[in-house]
Amino acid sequence: MRQAIVFGALVLVFGCGGQKKTTDQEVVPPTPTAIEVHPSAVDLVPKAVQQFDLSPSTVSVSWSVTETTGGTITQNGLYTAPGYSGTFHVVATSTANTSISAQAIVNVDSGIAITAISPVSAFACEAVTLKATVSGSTDAAVIWSAPASCGTVTTTGLFTSARGTGTCVVTAQAHADPAKMAQITVNVASERVLSIALNPTAASLGPGGTQAFAANVTTACGTFPAGM
């Protein structure tokens, strides 16, 4: 009887030891052929923060903003908008396959607007005051600019054209949000004659004598020989 018990125990031990335990293998998810950024479009105010997510969420990506000054984003997808209005693009690119990417469109709007009186008429080289109004901000300052070939404009909007005729486009930007701007068309007419001077102013001639006279014309652009 005792020998039977020992034999049974040995059978049980060898039976258990003879089984092989299956080793769990790490499951590697397949690389997706497409990814999506959520939300795919969002409206924000300047300097607002937005969390972007990825689908599928298991994909390793690199986050970036296409526009150099279009805001910043962390590698966790946390985006911070710039301090001005515009349309920007947040991009997620797969680190395993850089040909796979997705983007979201970010519309940033400060709510600020700028309006201007246009068109405006002016004489060449004569200053004309341009007017622009900023709304939606306590900062009503305007940044003025004009092409150098057209003329100059002061910080208060006083525009003086160069000599000549034609059309100039002056830009007014809201200081509170430079992305908000208005353009003013200035139609420049020929310079006005302010005075004419003869040289010489007097002459004494004998019978049959001749005298050459020259005329100088003065305008806001300067003094020039007549006809020039």
Protein backbone atom coordinates (compact mmCIF):
# COMPACT_ATOMS: atom_id res chain seq x y z
CA MET A 1 0.00 0.00 0.00
CA ARG A 2 2.85 2.42 0.89
CA GLN A 3 4.64 1.69 -2.39
CA ALA A 4 1.48 2.53 -4.36
CA ILE A 5 1.24 5.97 -2.64
CA VAL A 6 4.89 6.79 -3.45
CA PHE A 7 4.49 5.73 -7.06
CA GLY A 8 1.38 7.89 -7.42
CA ALA A 9 3.20 10.90 -6.02
CA LEU A 10 6.05 10.43 -8.49
CA VAL A 11 3.62 10.22 -11.37
CA LEU A 12 1.99 13.45 -10.19
CA VAL A 13 5.34 15.28 -9.91
CA PHE A 14 6.62 14.17 -13.31
CA GLY A 15 3.24 14.87 -14.86
CA CYS A 16 3.26 18.47 -13.68
CA GLY A 17 6.92 19.00 -14.56
CA GLY A 18 6.45 17.67 -18.04
CA GLN A 19 4.07 20.51 -19.06
CA LYS A 20 5.65 23.53 -20.81
CA LYS A 21 4.31 26.96 -19.93
CA THR A 22 3.64 29.10 -22.97
CA THR A 23 5.67 32.34 -22.89
CA ASP A 24 3.61 35.50 -23.46
CA GLN A 25 4.86 37.35 -26.55
CA GLU A 26 4.76 41.15 -26.74
CA VAL A 27 2.05 42.28 -29.13
CA VAL A 28 3.28 45.08 -31.38
CA PRO A 29 0.42 47.07 -32.89
CA PRO A 30 0.67 47.51 -36.64
CA THR A 31 1.75 50.93 -37.94
CA PRO A 32 -1.39 52.82 -39.03
CA THR A 33 -1.68 54.05 -42.58
CA ALA A 34 -3.48 57.22 -41.48
CA ILE A 35 -3.84 59.37 -38.38
CA GLU A 36 -6.25 62.13 -37.35
CA VAL A 37 -5.92 65.18 -35.13
CA HIS A 38 -8.85 66.12 -32.90
CA PRO A 39 -10.36 68.62 -33.02
CA SER A 40 -9.65 69.09 -36.72
CA ALA A 41 -10.60 72.78 -36.58
CA VAL A 42 -10.90 75.20 -33.69
CA ASP A 43 -11.61 78.90 -33.11
CA LEU A 44 -9.51 80.61 -30.43
CA VAL A 45 -8.77 84.07 -29.09
CA PRO A 46 -5.14 85.26 -28.99
CA LYS A 47 -2.93 83.48 -26.42
CA ALA A 48 -5.61 80.86 -25.70
CA VAL A 49 -4.62 77.24 -24.97
CA GLN A 50 -6.01 74.16 -26.75
CA GLN A 51 -5.29 70.48 -26.16
CA PHE A 52 -5.09 68.41 -29.36
CA ASP A 53 -5.49 64.62 -29.35
CA LEU A 54 -4.59 61.91 -31.80
CA SER A 55 -6.44 58.98 -33.35
CA PRO A 56 -5.27 56.27 -32.97
CA SER A 57 -3.94 57.40 -29.62
CA THR A 58 -1.16 54.77 -29.55
CA VAL A 59 0.79 56.33 -32.43
CA SER A 60 3.97 58.19 -31.55
CA VAL A 61 4.03 61.56 -33.26
CA SER A 62 5.97 64.80 -33.42
CA TRP A 63 3.83 67.95 -33.00
CA SER A 64 4.59 71.19 -34.83
CA VAL A 65 3.04 74.43 -36.10
CA THR A 66 3.47 75.13 -39.82
CA GLU A 67 3.68 78.92 -39.47
CA THR A 68 6.85 80.22 -37.80
CA THR A 69 4.91 82.75 -35.71
CA GLY A 70 1.71 80.74 -35.52
CA GLY A 71 1.93 79.82 -31.84
CA THR A 72 3.64 77.00 -29.98
CA ILE A 73 2.81 73.37 -29.20
CA THR A 74 4.30 70.87 -26.77
CA GLN A 75 5.05 67.25 -27.66
CA ASN A 76 1.95 66.36 -25.66
CA GLY A 77 -0.23 68.30 -28.12
CA LEU A 78 -0.86 71.35 -25.92
CA TYR A 79 -1.12 74.37 -28.22
CA THR A 80 -0.81 78.04 -27.28
CA ALA A 81 -2.11 80.60 -29.79
CA PRO A 82 -0.07 83.68 -30.76
CA GLY A 83 -1.07 87.14 -29.57
CA TYR A 84 -2.70 88.18 -32.84
CA SER A 85 -5.29 87.00 -35.34
CA GLY A 86 -4.69 84.62 -38.22
CA THR A 87 -5.17 81.11 -39.56
CA PHE A 88 -2.58 78.55 -38.50
CA HIS A 89 -1.95 74.82 -38.91
CA VAL A 90 -1.08 72.31 -36.19
CA VAL A 91 0.60 69.20 -37.61
CA ALA A 92 1.15 65.73 -36.12
CA THR A 93 3.75 63.61 -37.94
CA SER A 94 4.33 59.92 -37.23
CA THR A 95 7.81 59.31 -35.84
CA ALA A 96 7.81 55.78 -37.31
CA ASN A 97 6.85 56.94 -40.80
CA THR A 98 7.22 60.65 -41.51
CA SER A 99 5.12 60.33 -44.67
CA ILE A 100 2.09 59.87 -42.41
CA SER A 101 0.76 63.09 -40.92
CA ALA A 102 -2.42 64.96 -40.11
CA GLN A 103 -3.24 68.57 -39.35
CA ALA A 104 -5.76 70.78 -37.59
CA ILE A 105 -6.73 74.31 -38.61
CA VAL A 106 -6.63 76.98 -35.92
CA ASN A 107 -8.51 80.24 -36.49
CA VAL A 108 -7.38 82.93 -34.06
CA ASP A 109 -9.51 86.07 -33.89
CA SER A 110 -9.07 88.93 -31.45
CA GLY A 111 -12.40 90.52 -32.30
CA ILE A 112 -10.56 93.74 -33.17
CA ALA A 113 -11.43 95.58 -36.38
CA ILE A 114 -9.96 98.56 -38.21
CA THR A 115 -11.71 100.71 -40.80
CA ALA A 116 -10.35 103.54 -42.92
CA ILE A 117 -11.60 106.26 -45.24
CA SER A 118 -10.64 105.38 -48.80
CA PRO A 119 -10.00 106.53 -51.51
CA VAL A 120 -8.30 109.84 -50.81
CA SER A 121 -7.11 112.48 -53.29
CA ALA A 122 -3.87 114.42 -52.90
CA PHE A 123 -1.51 116.65 -54.84
CA ALA A 124 2.06 115.49 -55.35
CA CYS A 125 4.36 116.40 -52.45
CA GLU A 126 1.52 117.90 -50.41
CA ALA A 127 0.65 116.28 -47.10
CA VAL A 128 -2.79 114.80 -46.58
CA THR A 129 -4.17 113.39 -43.34
CA LEU A 130 -5.37 109.78 -43.54
CA LYS A 131 -7.91 108.44 -41.06
CA ALA A 132 -8.37 104.95 -39.61
CA THR A 133 -10.46 103.79 -36.66
CA VAL A 134 -9.81 100.79 -34.40
CA SER A 135 -12.73 99.07 -32.66
CA GLY A 136 -12.93 96.18 -30.22
CA SER A 137 -9.93 97.28 -28.15
CA THR A 138 -9.01 99.98 -25.66
CA ASP A 139 -5.78 100.36 -27.65
CA ALA A 140 -6.82 102.62 -30.54
CA ALA A 141 -3.30 103.21 -31.87
CA VAL A 142 -2.61 102.67 -35.57
CA ILE A 143 0.63 101.58 -37.26
CA TRP A 144 1.04 103.35 -40.62
CA SER A 145 3.20 102.25 -43.56
CA ALA A 146 3.66 103.16 -47.21
CA PRO A 147 5.96 101.96 -50.02
CA ALA A 148 9.08 104.11 -50.20
CA SER A 149 8.46 104.62 -53.92
CA CYS A 150 5.11 106.24 -53.14
CA GLY A 151 6.07 108.58 -50.34
CA THR A 152 6.16 108.79 -46.58
CA VAL A 153 3.61 108.56 -43.80
CA THR A 154 4.02 109.68 -40.19
CA THR A 155 2.92 107.87 -37.05
CA THR A 156 -0.17 110.08 -37.02
CA GLY A 157 -1.20 109.19 -40.59
CA LEU A 158 0.09 112.28 -42.39
CA PHE A 159 0.96 111.08 -45.89
CA THR A 160 3.18 112.97 -48.34
CA SER A 161 3.60 111.53 -51.81
CA ALA A 162 6.73 111.59 -53.90
CA ARG A 163 6.86 113.79 -57.01
CA GLY A 164 4.76 112.44 -59.84
CA THR A 165 1.25 111.15 -60.33
CA GLY A 166 -0.44 107.81 -59.83
CA THR A 167 -1.99 105.62 -57.15
CA CYS A 168 -0.43 104.82 -53.79
CA VAL A 169 -1.68 102.26 -51.28
CA VAL A 170 -1.08 103.11 -47.62
CA THR A 171 -1.60 100.45 -44.95
CA ALA A 172 -3.08 101.01 -41.50
CA GLN A 173 -2.62 98.24 -38.90
CA ALA A 174 -4.21 97.97 -35.49
CA HIS A 175 -1.48 98.25 -32.85
CA ALA A 176 -3.44 95.88 -30.61
CA ASP A 177 -3.52 93.24 -33.38
CA PRO A 178 -1.22 93.91 -36.37
CA ALA A 179 -2.96 91.14 -38.31
CA LYS A 180 -5.99 93.43 -38.56
CA MET A 181 -5.36 96.05 -41.22
CA ALA A 182 -7.02 98.38 -43.68
CA GLN A 183 -5.67 99.83 -46.90
CA ILE A 184 -6.18 103.36 -48.17
CA THR A 185 -5.88 104.22 -51.85
CA VAL A 186 -4.38 107.67 -52.42
CA ASN A 187 -4.90 109.12 -55.89
CA VAL A 188 -2.00 111.50 -56.47
CA ALA A 189 -2.51 114.37 -58.92
CA SER A 190 0.17 116.55 -60.52
CA GLU A 191 1.92 119.01 -58.25
CA ARG A 192 0.44 122.46 -58.01
CA VAL A 193 2.42 125.49 -59.12
CA LEU A 194 2.92 127.84 -56.19
CA SER A 195 4.99 130.50 -57.94
CA ILE A 196 6.93 131.33 -61.11
CA ALA A 197 10.12 133.37 -61.15
CA LEU A 198 11.84 134.89 -64.20
CA ASN A 199 15.60 135.21 -64.45
CA PRO A 200 16.78 137.85 -64.97
CA THR A 201 14.03 139.86 -63.35
CA ALA A 202 14.97 142.95 -65.37
CA ALA A 203 16.92 143.68 -68.55
CA SER A 204 18.02 146.73 -70.54
CA LEU A 205 18.21 146.30 -74.30
CA GLY A 206 19.21 148.51 -77.18
CA PRO A 207 17.36 148.60 -80.46
CA GLY A 208 17.37 145.12 -81.99
CA GLY A 209 18.89 143.63 -78.84
CA THR A 210 17.95 140.20 -77.53
CA GLN A 211 17.71 138.73 -74.06
CA ALA A 212 17.23 135.16 -72.99
CA PHE A 213 14.92 134.61 -70.05
CA ALA A 214 14.53 131.49 -67.94
CA ALA A 215 11.61 130.62 -65.74
CA ASN A 216 11.72 128.64 -62.51
CA VAL A 217 8.59 127.02 -61.17
CA THR A 218 8.14 126.39 -57.46
CA THR A 219 5.83 123.64 -56.21
CA ALA A 220 5.54 121.66 -53.00
CA CYS A 221 8.10 119.30 -54.52
CA GLY A 222 10.72 122.07 -54.93
CA THR A 223 11.89 124.60 -57.49
CA PHE A 224 12.56 123.47 -61.04
CA PRO A 225 13.19 125.01 -64.45
CA ALA A 226 9.91 125.49 -66.23
CA GLY A 227 8.89 122.43 -68.20
CA MET A 228 10.74 119.97 -66.01
